[in-house]
Amino acid sequence: MSDDVDPQRLERRFLGLLAKIFSDGVVTDAERGELHARIQDGQLSPEQIRAVMLHFLTTSLGHITADGKVTRREHDKLRLIVDELGLPDDSVPDEVRDVLAAPPSPDA
């Protein structure tokens, strides 16, 4: 199997794309188009795409909550990730929902 079609390599590339798209907390139309094109290109199955998205989401949550505070910017970024990934509500981890349901830390 060539490196270009190795499933793990494709998943890592998709994860890298997600990291790039969400790194600044803003998703441009071009980035949104790139994300949708990658999702629809058929290289990864829907299950693989969902697994990578959930991995990215939970990793992002870990970074956001590492210091025990969630700033307004971090809260907004997590909301952006959830909204842009378009995951079904029932697949969003409870921990993510809890952070989004709570107000950002005061003075943050």
PDB file of N, CA and C in Angstrom:
ATOM      1  N   MET A   1       0.850  -1.178   0.000  1.00  0.00           N
ATOM      2  CA  MET A   1       0.000   0.000   0.000  1.00  0.00           C
ATOM      3  C   MET A   1       0.896   1.241   0.000  1.00  0.00           C
ATOM      4  N   SER A   2       0.651   2.172  -0.891  1.00  0.00           N
ATOM      5  CA  SER A   2       1.470   3.380  -0.942  1.00  0.00           C
ATOM      6  C   SER A   2       1.137   4.280   0.240  1.00  0.00           C
ATOM      7  N   ASP A   3       2.088   5.172   0.580  1.00  0.00           N
ATOM      8  CA  ASP A   3       1.880   6.092   1.695  1.00  0.00           C
ATOM      9  C   ASP A   3       0.673   6.995   1.472  1.00  0.00           C
ATOM     10  N   ASP A   4       0.365   7.289   0.197  1.00  0.00           N
ATOM     11  CA  ASP A   4      -0.728   8.211  -0.098  1.00  0.00           C
ATOM     12  C   ASP A   4      -2.093   7.641   0.258  1.00  0.00           C
ATOM     13  N   VAL A   5      -2.207   6.310   0.332  1.00  0.00           N
ATOM     14  CA  VAL A   5      -3.500   5.706   0.643  1.00  0.00           C
ATOM     15  C   VAL A   5      -3.480   4.958   1.975  1.00  0.00           C
ATOM     16  N   ASP A   6      -2.399   5.056   2.721  1.00  0.00           N
ATOM     17  CA  ASP A   6      -2.326   4.447   4.040  1.00  0.00           C
ATOM     18  C   ASP A   6      -3.356   5.132   4.942  1.00  0.00           C
ATOM     19  N   PRO A   7      -4.307   4.364   5.493  1.00  0.00           N
ATOM     20  CA  PRO A   7      -5.374   4.986   6.286  1.00  0.00           C
ATOM     21  C   PRO A   7      -4.863   5.823   7.461  1.00  0.00           C
ATOM     22  N   GLN A   8      -3.851   5.358   8.145  1.00  0.00           N
ATOM     23  CA  GLN A   8      -3.332   6.129   9.280  1.00  0.00           C
ATOM     24  C   GLN A   8      -2.717   7.447   8.809  1.00  0.00           C
ATOM     25  N   ARG A   9      -2.031   7.407   7.696  1.00  0.00           N
ATOM     26  CA  ARG A   9      -1.443   8.637   7.162  1.00  0.00           C
ATOM     27  C   ARG A   9      -2.544   9.619   6.744  1.00  0.00           C
ATOM     28  N   LEU A  10      -3.587   9.100   6.111  1.00  0.00           N
ATOM     29  CA  LEU A  10      -4.705   9.953   5.707  1.00  0.00           C
ATOM     30  C   LEU A  10      -5.393  10.560   6.926  1.00  0.00           C
ATOM     31  N   GLU A  11      -5.533   9.771   7.990  1.00  0.00           N
ATOM     32  CA  GLU A  11      -6.141  10.292   9.211  1.00  0.00           C
ATOM     33  C   GLU A  11      -5.264  11.379   9.829  1.00  0.00           C
ATOM     34  N   ARG A  12      -3.938  11.167   9.834  1.00  0.00           N
ATOM     35  CA  ARG A  12      -3.028  12.191  10.373  1.00  0.00           C
ATOM     36  C   ARG A  12      -3.099  13.472   9.544  1.00  0.00           C
ATOM     37  N   ARG A  13      -3.195  13.327   8.239  1.00  0.00           N
ATOM     38  CA  ARG A  13      -3.325  14.518   7.376  1.00  0.00           C
ATOM     39  C   ARG A  13      -4.617  15.273   7.672  1.00  0.00           C
ATOM     40  N   PHE A  14      -5.696  14.531   7.860  1.00  0.00           N
ATOM     41  CA  PHE A  14      -6.975  15.162   8.171  1.00  0.00           C
ATOM     42  C   PHE A  14      -6.895  15.855   9.528  1.00  0.00           C
ATOM     43  N   LEU A  15      -6.277  15.211  10.502  1.00  0.00           N
ATOM     44  CA  LEU A  15      -6.093  15.819  11.815  1.00  0.00           C
ATOM     45  C   LEU A  15      -5.257  17.092  11.701  1.00  0.00           C
ATOM     46  N   GLY A  16      -4.216  17.063  10.886  1.00  0.00           N
ATOM     47  CA  GLY A  16      -3.402  18.258  10.659  1.00  0.00           C
ATOM     48  C   GLY A  16      -4.194  19.373  10.013  1.00  0.00           C
ATOM     49  N   LEU A  17      -5.071  19.018   9.091  1.00  0.00           N
ATOM     50  CA  LEU A  17      -5.923  20.022   8.450  1.00  0.00           C
ATOM     51  C   LEU A  17      -6.833  20.672   9.485  1.00  0.00           C
ATOM     52  N   LEU A  18      -7.424  19.869  10.356  1.00  0.00           N
ATOM     53  CA  LEU A  18      -8.285  20.422  11.399  1.00  0.00           C
ATOM     54  C   LEU A  18      -7.503  21.374  12.296  1.00  0.00           C
ATOM     55  N   ALA A  19      -6.304  20.967  12.680  1.00  0.00           N
ATOM     56  CA  ALA A  19      -5.469  21.815  13.535  1.00  0.00           C
ATOM     57  C   ALA A  19      -5.172  23.145  12.847  1.00  0.00           C
ATOM     58  N   LYS A  20      -4.861  23.080  11.572  1.00  0.00           N
ATOM     59  CA  LYS A  20      -4.557  24.302  10.814  1.00  0.00           C
ATOM     60  C   LYS A  20      -5.786  25.210  10.714  1.00  0.00           C
ATOM     61  N   ILE A  21      -6.914  24.627  10.397  1.00  0.00           N
ATOM     62  CA  ILE A  21      -8.136  25.406  10.204  1.00  0.00           C
ATOM     63  C   ILE A  21      -8.549  26.124  11.483  1.00  0.00           C
ATOM     64  N   PHE A  22      -8.462  25.442  12.616  1.00  0.00           N
ATOM     65  CA  PHE A  22      -8.978  26.003  13.865  1.00  0.00           C
ATOM     66  C   PHE A  22      -7.915  26.693  14.717  1.00  0.00           C
ATOM     67  N   SER A  23      -6.682  26.746  14.246  1.00  0.00           N
ATOM     68  CA  SER A  23      -5.581  27.266  15.066  1.00  0.00           C
ATOM     69  C   SER A  23      -5.797  28.712  15.516  1.00  0.00           C
ATOM     70  N   ASP A  24      -6.385  29.532  14.667  1.00  0.00           N
ATOM     71  CA  ASP A  24      -6.547  30.947  15.030  1.00  0.00           C
ATOM     72  C   ASP A  24      -7.941  31.285  15.550  1.00  0.00           C
ATOM     73  N   GLY A  25      -8.810  30.280  15.658  1.00  0.00           N
ATOM     74  CA  GLY A  25     -10.151  30.528  16.173  1.00  0.00           C
ATOM     75  C   GLY A  25     -11.088  31.184  15.189  1.00  0.00           C
ATOM     76  N   VAL A  26     -10.680  31.234  13.924  1.00  0.00           N
ATOM     77  CA  VAL A  26     -11.497  31.811  12.855  1.00  0.00           C
ATOM     78  C   VAL A  26     -11.475  30.830  11.687  1.00  0.00           C
ATOM     79  N   VAL A  27     -12.632  30.580  11.100  1.00  0.00           N
ATOM     80  CA  VAL A  27     -12.707  29.704   9.937  1.00  0.00           C
ATOM     81  C   VAL A  27     -13.151  30.543   8.747  1.00  0.00           C
ATOM     82  N   THR A  28     -12.253  30.654   7.786  1.00  0.00           N
ATOM     83  CA  THR A  28     -12.572  31.421   6.577  1.00  0.00           C
ATOM     84  C   THR A  28     -13.392  30.564   5.621  1.00  0.00           C
ATOM     85  N   ASP A  29     -13.979  31.207   4.628  1.00  0.00           N
ATOM     86  CA  ASP A  29     -14.724  30.455   3.618  1.00  0.00           C
ATOM     87  C   ASP A  29     -13.816  29.469   2.896  1.00  0.00           C
ATOM     88  N   ALA A  30     -12.578  29.869   2.620  1.00  0.00           N
ATOM     89  CA  ALA A  30     -11.630  28.980   1.942  1.00  0.00           C
ATOM     90  C   ALA A  30     -11.319  27.762   2.809  1.00  0.00           C
ATOM     91  N   GLU A  31     -11.122  27.986   4.113  1.00  0.00           N
ATOM     92  CA  GLU A  31     -10.852  26.859   5.017  1.00  0.00           C
ATOM     93  C   GLU A  31     -12.057  25.940   5.126  1.00  0.00           C
ATOM     94  N   ARG A  32     -13.233  26.535   5.194  1.00  0.00           N
ATOM     95  CA  ARG A  32     -14.464  25.746   5.259  1.00  0.00           C
ATOM     96  C   ARG A  32     -14.607  24.896   3.991  1.00  0.00           C
ATOM     97  N   GLY A  33     -14.288  25.490   2.854  1.00  0.00           N
ATOM     98  CA  GLY A  33     -14.347  24.753   1.599  1.00  0.00           C
ATOM     99  C   GLY A  33     -13.337  23.614   1.566  1.00  0.00           C
ATOM    100  N   GLU A  34     -12.141  23.874   2.076  1.00  0.00           N
ATOM    101  CA  GLU A  34     -11.109  22.838   2.134  1.00  0.00           C
ATOM    102  C   GLU A  34     -11.551  21.687   3.042  1.00  0.00           C
ATOM    103  N   LEU A  35     -12.157  22.016   4.162  1.00  0.00           N
ATOM    104  CA  LEU A  35     -12.651  20.988   5.077  1.00  0.00           C
ATOM    105  C   LEU A  35     -13.730  20.141   4.407  1.00  0.00           C
ATOM    106  N   HIS A  36     -14.686  20.773   3.785  1.00  0.00           N
ATOM    107  CA  HIS A  36     -15.768  20.035   3.136  1.00  0.00           C
ATOM    108  C   HIS A  36     -15.251  19.196   1.967  1.00  0.00           C
ATOM    109  N   ALA A  37     -14.298  19.726   1.236  1.00  0.00           N
ATOM    110  CA  ALA A  37     -13.712  18.956   0.127  1.00  0.00           C
ATOM    111  C   ALA A  37     -13.023  17.708   0.651  1.00  0.00           C
ATOM    112  N   ARG A  38     -12.287  17.841   1.754  1.00  0.00           N
ATOM    113  CA  ARG A  38     -11.588  16.687   2.326  1.00  0.00           C
ATOM    114  C   ARG A  38     -12.575  15.649   2.839  1.00  0.00           C
ATOM    115  N   ILE A  39     -13.656  16.113   3.439  1.00  0.00           N
ATOM    116  CA  ILE A  39     -14.670  15.189   3.956  1.00  0.00           C
ATOM    117  C   ILE A  39     -15.317  14.418   2.809  1.00  0.00           C
ATOM    118  N   GLN A  40     -15.516  15.084   1.693  1.00  0.00           N
ATOM    119  CA  GLN A  40     -16.242  14.485   0.578  1.00  0.00           C
ATOM    120  C   GLN A  40     -15.356  13.780  -0.442  1.00  0.00           C
ATOM    121  N   ASP A  41     -14.025  13.818  -0.251  1.00  0.00           N
ATOM    122  CA  ASP A  41     -13.157  13.238  -1.284  1.00  0.00           C
ATOM    123  C   ASP A  41     -13.125  11.715  -1.283  1.00  0.00           C
ATOM    124  N   GLY A  42     -13.725  11.077  -0.291  1.00  0.00           N
ATOM    125  CA  GLY A  42     -13.835   9.628  -0.270  1.00  0.00           C
ATOM    126  C   GLY A  42     -12.598   8.887   0.196  1.00  0.00           C
ATOM    127  N   GLN A  43     -11.538   9.602   0.544  1.00  0.00           N
ATOM    128  CA  GLN A  43     -10.325   8.920   0.989  1.00  0.00           C
ATOM    129  C   GLN A  43     -10.488   8.305   2.371  1.00  0.00           C
ATOM    130  N   LEU A  44     -11.315   8.921   3.203  1.00  0.00           N
ATOM    131  CA  LEU A  44     -11.608   8.388   4.529  1.00  0.00           C
ATOM    132  C   LEU A  44     -13.095   8.052   4.600  1.00  0.00           C
ATOM    133  N   SER A  45     -13.398   6.977   5.295  1.00  0.00           N
ATOM    134  CA  SER A  45     -14.802   6.594   5.462  1.00  0.00           C
ATOM    135  C   SER A  45     -15.472   7.564   6.429  1.00  0.00           C
ATOM    136  N   PRO A  46     -16.792   7.612   6.419  1.00  0.00           N
ATOM    137  CA  PRO A  46     -17.489   8.460   7.385  1.00  0.00           C
ATOM    138  C   PRO A  46     -17.105   8.130   8.833  1.00  0.00           C
ATOM    139  N   GLU A  47     -16.888   6.862   9.117  1.00  0.00           N
ATOM    140  CA  GLU A  47     -16.496   6.456  10.465  1.00  0.00           C
ATOM    141  C   GLU A  47     -15.109   6.997  10.817  1.00  0.00           C
ATOM    142  N   GLN A  48     -14.180   6.943   9.863  1.00  0.00           N
ATOM    143  CA  GLN A  48     -12.834   7.476  10.099  1.00  0.00           C
ATOM    144  C   GLN A  48     -12.887   8.995  10.302  1.00  0.00           C
ATOM    145  N   ILE A  49     -13.664   9.664   9.488  1.00  0.00           N
ATOM    146  CA  ILE A  49     -13.797  11.118   9.601  1.00  0.00           C
ATOM    147  C   ILE A  49     -14.349  11.482  10.970  1.00  0.00           C
ATOM    148  N   ARG A  50     -15.393  10.793  11.382  1.00  0.00           N
ATOM    149  CA  ARG A  50     -16.007  11.071  12.684  1.00  0.00           C
ATOM    150  C   ARG A  50     -15.012  10.796  13.809  1.00  0.00           C
ATOM    151  N   ALA A  51     -14.271   9.704  13.717  1.00  0.00           N
ATOM    152  CA  ALA A  51     -13.297   9.369  14.764  1.00  0.00           C
ATOM    153  C   ALA A  51     -12.205  10.434  14.865  1.00  0.00           C
ATOM    154  N   VAL A  52     -11.720  10.911  13.722  1.00  0.00           N
ATOM    155  CA  VAL A  52     -10.683  11.950  13.733  1.00  0.00           C
ATOM    156  C   VAL A  52     -11.254  13.253  14.295  1.00  0.00           C
ATOM    157  N   MET A  53     -12.466  13.599  13.894  1.00  0.00           N
ATOM    158  CA  MET A  53     -13.100  14.819  14.414  1.00  0.00           C
ATOM    159  C   MET A  53     -13.267  14.744  15.929  1.00  0.00           C
ATOM    160  N   LEU A  54     -13.727  13.602  16.431  1.00  0.00           N
ATOM    161  CA  LEU A  54     -13.906  13.448  17.869  1.00  0.00           C
ATOM    162  C   LEU A  54     -12.573  13.492  18.603  1.00  0.00           C
ATOM    163  N   HIS A  55     -11.551  12.897  18.015  1.00  0.00           N
ATOM    164  CA  HIS A  55     -10.209  12.968  18.610  1.00  0.00           C
ATOM    165  C   HIS A  55      -9.750  14.423  18.679  1.00  0.00           C
ATOM    166  N   PHE A  56      -9.925  15.149  17.597  1.00  0.00           N
ATOM    167  CA  PHE A  56      -9.543  16.561  17.571  1.00  0.00           C
ATOM    168  C   PHE A  56     -10.331  17.354  18.613  1.00  0.00           C
ATOM    169  N   LEU A  57     -11.618  17.105  18.704  1.00  0.00           N
ATOM    170  CA  LEU A  57     -12.477  17.825  19.636  1.00  0.00           C
ATOM    171  C   LEU A  57     -12.062  17.549  21.083  1.00  0.00           C
ATOM    172  N   THR A  58     -11.833  16.300  21.426  1.00  0.00           N
ATOM    173  CA  THR A  58     -11.459  15.981  22.804  1.00  0.00           C
ATOM    174  C   THR A  58     -10.051  16.463  23.131  1.00  0.00           C
ATOM    175  N   THR A  59      -9.160  16.435  22.171  1.00  0.00           N
ATOM    176  CA  THR A  59      -7.816  16.978  22.389  1.00  0.00           C
ATOM    177  C   THR A  59      -7.894  18.490  22.600  1.00  0.00           C
ATOM    178  N   SER A  60      -8.696  19.157  21.791  1.00  0.00           N
ATOM    179  CA  SER A  60      -8.883  20.608  21.953  1.00  0.00           C
ATOM    180  C   SER A  60      -9.463  20.922  23.318  1.00  0.00           C
ATOM    181  N   LEU A  61     -10.441  20.134  23.749  1.00  0.00           N
ATOM    182  CA  LEU A  61     -11.030  20.339  25.068  1.00  0.00           C
ATOM    183  C   LEU A  61      -9.959  20.206  26.151  1.00  0.00           C
ATOM    184  N   GLY A  62      -9.090  19.221  26.029  1.00  0.00           N
ATOM    185  CA  GLY A  62      -8.017  19.040  27.003  1.00  0.00           C
ATOM    186  C   GLY A  62      -7.106  20.245  27.086  1.00  0.00           C
ATOM    187  N   HIS A  63      -6.768  20.821  25.942  1.00  0.00           N
ATOM    188  CA  HIS A  63      -5.924  22.021  25.922  1.00  0.00           C
ATOM    189  C   HIS A  63      -6.657  23.210  26.553  1.00  0.00           C
ATOM    190  N   ILE A  64      -7.919  23.335  26.222  1.00  0.00           N
ATOM    191  CA  ILE A  64      -8.707  24.469  26.696  1.00  0.00           C
ATOM    192  C   ILE A  64      -8.903  24.426  28.209  1.00  0.00           C
ATOM    193  N   THR A  65      -9.090  23.248  28.758  1.00  0.00           N
ATOM    194  CA  THR A  65      -9.388  23.126  30.188  1.00  0.00           C
ATOM    195  C   THR A  65      -8.164  22.794  31.040  1.00  0.00           C
ATOM    196  N   ALA A  66      -6.992  22.732  30.455  1.00  0.00           N
ATOM    197  CA  ALA A  66      -5.789  22.305  31.176  1.00  0.00           C
ATOM    198  C   ALA A  66      -5.479  23.154  32.398  1.00  0.00           C
ATOM    199  N   ASP A  67      -5.742  24.442  32.335  1.00  0.00           N
ATOM    200  CA  ASP A  67      -5.414  25.320  33.463  1.00  0.00           C
ATOM    201  C   ASP A  67      -6.581  25.502  34.431  1.00  0.00           C
ATOM    202  N   GLY A  68      -7.678  24.786  34.192  1.00  0.00           N
ATOM    203  CA  GLY A  68      -8.822  24.867  35.091  1.00  0.00           C
ATOM    204  C   GLY A  68      -9.735  26.050  34.839  1.00  0.00           C
ATOM    205  N   LYS A  69      -9.399  26.874  33.857  1.00  0.00           N
ATOM    206  CA  LYS A  69     -10.227  28.028  33.504  1.00  0.00           C
ATOM    207  C   LYS A  69     -10.528  27.965  32.010  1.00  0.00           C
ATOM    208  N   VAL A  70     -11.680  28.473  31.651  1.00  0.00           N
ATOM    209  CA  VAL A  70     -12.054  28.570  30.240  1.00  0.00           C
ATOM    210  C   VAL A  70     -12.358  30.035  29.967  1.00  0.00           C
ATOM    211  N   THR A  71     -11.467  30.667  29.203  1.00  0.00           N
ATOM    212  CA  THR A  71     -11.655  32.073  28.862  1.00  0.00           C
ATOM    213  C   THR A  71     -12.765  32.222  27.830  1.00  0.00           C
ATOM    214  N   ARG A  72     -13.218  33.433  27.647  1.00  0.00           N
ATOM    215  CA  ARG A  72     -14.236  33.713  26.620  1.00  0.00           C
ATOM    216  C   ARG A  72     -13.718  33.253  25.251  1.00  0.00           C
ATOM    217  N   ARG A  73     -12.458  33.558  24.957  1.00  0.00           N
ATOM    218  CA  ARG A  73     -11.881  33.174  23.659  1.00  0.00           C
ATOM    219  C   ARG A  73     -11.849  31.651  23.495  1.00  0.00           C
ATOM    220  N   GLU A  74     -11.466  30.943  24.557  1.00  0.00           N
ATOM    221  CA  GLU A  74     -11.424  29.476  24.498  1.00  0.00           C
ATOM    222  C   GLU A  74     -12.836  28.903  24.343  1.00  0.00           C
ATOM    223  N   HIS A  75     -13.780  29.471  25.073  1.00  0.00           N
ATOM    224  CA  HIS A  75     -15.179  29.049  24.984  1.00  0.00           C
ATOM    225  C   HIS A  75     -15.688  29.231  23.554  1.00  0.00           C
ATOM    226  N   ASP A  76     -15.416  30.394  22.998  1.00  0.00           N
ATOM    227  CA  ASP A  76     -15.851  30.683  21.627  1.00  0.00           C
ATOM    228  C   ASP A  76     -15.183  29.749  20.625  1.00  0.00           C
ATOM    229  N   LYS A  77     -13.905  29.450  20.845  1.00  0.00           N
ATOM    230  CA  LYS A  77     -13.185  28.554  19.933  1.00  0.00           C
ATOM    231  C   LYS A  77     -13.770  27.146  19.992  1.00  0.00           C
ATOM    232  N   LEU A  78     -14.078  26.667  21.190  1.00  0.00           N
ATOM    233  CA  LEU A  78     -14.681  25.340  21.317  1.00  0.00           C
ATOM    234  C   LEU A  78     -16.037  25.307  20.632  1.00  0.00           C
ATOM    235  N   ARG A  79     -16.836  26.352  20.802  1.00  0.00           N
ATOM    236  CA  ARG A  79     -18.143  26.439  20.137  1.00  0.00           C
ATOM    237  C   ARG A  79     -17.966  26.421  18.618  1.00  0.00           C
ATOM    238  N   LEU A  80     -16.971  27.166  18.129  1.00  0.00           N
ATOM    239  CA  LEU A  80     -16.683  27.203  16.695  1.00  0.00           C
ATOM    240  C   LEU A  80     -16.342  25.807  16.177  1.00  0.00           C
ATOM    241  N   ILE A  81     -15.494  25.097  16.894  1.00  0.00           N
ATOM    242  CA  ILE A  81     -15.095  23.752  16.478  1.00  0.00           C
ATOM    243  C   ILE A  81     -16.321  22.848  16.381  1.00  0.00           C
ATOM    244  N   VAL A  82     -17.134  22.848  17.419  1.00  0.00           N
ATOM    245  CA  VAL A  82     -18.328  22.000  17.426  1.00  0.00           C
ATOM    246  C   VAL A  82     -19.251  22.367  16.268  1.00  0.00           C
ATOM    247  N   ASP A  83     -19.492  23.656  16.087  1.00  0.00           N
ATOM    248  CA  ASP A  83     -20.400  24.098  15.025  1.00  0.00           C
ATOM    249  C   ASP A  83     -19.869  23.754  13.641  1.00  0.00           C
ATOM    250  N   GLU A  84     -18.600  24.021  13.400  1.00  0.00           N
ATOM    251  CA  GLU A  84     -18.034  23.819  12.068  1.00  0.00           C
ATOM    252  C   GLU A  84     -17.874  22.338  11.722  1.00  0.00           C
ATOM    253  N   LEU A  85     -17.589  21.499  12.718  1.00  0.00           N
ATOM    254  CA  LEU A  85     -17.444  20.072  12.429  1.00  0.00           C
ATOM    255  C   LEU A  85     -18.783  19.439  12.090  1.00  0.00           C
ATOM    256  N   GLY A  86     -19.860  20.020  12.582  1.00  0.00           N
ATOM    257  CA  GLY A  86     -21.193  19.520  12.239  1.00  0.00           C
ATOM    258  C   GLY A  86     -21.482  18.125  12.762  1.00  0.00           C
ATOM    259  N   LEU A  87     -20.859  17.772  13.884  1.00  0.00           N
ATOM    260  CA  LEU A  87     -21.122  16.458  14.469  1.00  0.00           C
ATOM    261  C   LEU A  87     -22.549  16.403  15.004  1.00  0.00           C
ATOM    262  N   PRO A  88     -23.192  15.242  14.881  1.00  0.00           N
ATOM    263  CA  PRO A  88     -24.526  15.120  15.476  1.00  0.00           C
ATOM    264  C   PRO A  88     -24.451  15.390  16.983  1.00  0.00           C
ATOM    265  N   ASP A  89     -25.476  16.026  17.521  1.00  0.00           N
ATOM    266  CA  ASP A  89     -25.489  16.389  18.939  1.00  0.00           C
ATOM    267  C   ASP A  89     -25.191  15.201  19.846  1.00  0.00           C
ATOM    268  N   ASP A  90     -25.725  14.032  19.489  1.00  0.00           N
ATOM    269  CA  ASP A  90     -25.546  12.875  20.368  1.00  0.00           C
ATOM    270  C   ASP A  90     -24.122  12.310  20.339  1.00  0.00           C
ATOM    271  N   SER A  91     -23.294  12.792  19.420  1.00  0.00           N
ATOM    272  CA  SER A  91     -21.914  12.313  19.391  1.00  0.00           C
ATOM    273  C   SER A  91     -20.933  13.289  20.043  1.00  0.00           C
ATOM    274  N   VAL A  92     -21.414  14.481  20.396  1.00  0.00           N
ATOM    275  CA  VAL A  92     -20.553  15.448  21.086  1.00  0.00           C
ATOM    276  C   VAL A  92     -20.406  14.977  22.530  1.00  0.00           C
ATOM    277  N   PRO A  93     -19.167  14.776  22.990  1.00  0.00           N
ATOM    278  CA  PRO A  93     -18.961  14.277  24.354  1.00  0.00           C
ATOM    279  C   PRO A  93     -19.604  15.180  25.406  1.00  0.00           C
ATOM    280  N   ASP A  94     -20.103  14.553  26.465  1.00  0.00           N
ATOM    281  CA  ASP A  94     -20.744  15.293  27.546  1.00  0.00           C
ATOM    282  C   ASP A  94     -19.821  16.355  28.127  1.00  0.00           C
ATOM    283  N   GLU A  95     -18.540  16.060  28.218  1.00  0.00           N
ATOM    284  CA  GLU A  95     -17.579  17.013  28.786  1.00  0.00           C
ATOM    285  C   GLU A  95     -17.541  18.298  27.962  1.00  0.00           C
ATOM    286  N   VAL A  96     -17.639  18.157  26.646  1.00  0.00           N
ATOM    287  CA  VAL A  96     -17.646  19.324  25.760  1.00  0.00           C
ATOM    288  C   VAL A  96     -18.937  20.100  25.957  1.00  0.00           C
ATOM    289  N   ARG A  97     -20.045  19.392  26.014  1.00  0.00           N
ATOM    290  CA  ARG A  97     -21.330  20.056  26.231  1.00  0.00           C
ATOM    291  C   ARG A  97     -21.358  20.809  27.559  1.00  0.00           C
ATOM    292  N   ASP A  98     -20.766  20.188  28.593  1.00  0.00           N
ATOM    293  CA  ASP A  98     -20.738  20.838  29.912  1.00  0.00           C
ATOM    294  C   ASP A  98     -19.944  22.151  29.860  1.00  0.00           C
ATOM    295  N   VAL A  99     -18.802  22.135  29.191  1.00  0.00           N
ATOM    296  CA  VAL A  99     -17.991  23.356  29.093  1.00  0.00           C
ATOM    297  C   VAL A  99     -18.748  24.419  28.317  1.00  0.00           C
ATOM    298  N   LEU A 100     -19.397  24.025  27.257  1.00  0.00           N
ATOM    299  CA  LEU A 100     -20.139  24.999  26.449  1.00  0.00           C
ATOM    300  C   LEU A 100     -21.379  25.539  27.172  1.00  0.00           C
ATOM    301  N   ALA A 101     -21.951  24.733  28.046  1.00  0.00           N
ATOM    302  CA  ALA A 101     -23.142  25.173  28.769  1.00  0.00           C
ATOM    303  C   ALA A 101     -22.788  26.134  29.904  1.00  0.00           C
ATOM    304  N   ALA A 102     -21.564  26.060  30.383  1.00  0.00           N
ATOM    305  CA  ALA A 102     -21.129  26.921  31.494  1.00  0.00           C
ATOM    306  C   ALA A 102     -20.614  28.251  30.942  1.00  0.00           C
ATOM    307  N   PRO A 103     -20.773  29.311  31.726  1.00  0.00           N
ATOM    308  CA  PRO A 103     -20.197  30.586  31.282  1.00  0.00           C
ATOM    309  C   PRO A 103     -18.672  30.532  31.368  1.00  0.00           C
ATOM    310  N   PRO A 104     -18.001  31.360  30.570  1.00  0.00           N
ATOM    311  CA  PRO A 104     -16.539  31.421  30.676  1.00  0.00           C
ATOM    312  C   PRO A 104     -16.133  31.855  32.089  1.00  0.00           C
ATOM    313  N   SER A 105     -14.896  31.573  32.434  1.00  0.00           N
ATOM    314  CA  SER A 105     -14.371  31.961  33.746  1.00  0.00           C
ATOM    315  C   SER A 105     -14.447  33.477  33.906  1.00  0.00           C
ATOM    316  N   PRO A 106     -14.803  33.948  35.108  1.00  0.00           N
ATOM    317  CA  PRO A 106     -14.809  35.392  35.329  1.00  0.00           C
ATOM    318  C   PRO A 106     -13.399  35.959  35.255  1.00  0.00           C
ATOM    319  N   ASP A 107     -13.321  37.191  34.827  1.00  0.00           N
ATOM    320  CA  ASP A 107     -12.041  37.870  34.690  1.00  0.00           C
ATOM    321  C   ASP A 107     -11.103  37.178  33.711  1.00  0.00           C
ATOM    322  N   ALA A 108     -11.660  36.385  32.812  1.00  0.00           N
ATOM    323  CA  ALA A 108     -10.813  35.691  31.843  1.00  0.00           C
ATOM    324  C   ALA A 108     -10.981  36.285  30.466  1.00  0.00           C
TER     325      ALA A 108
END
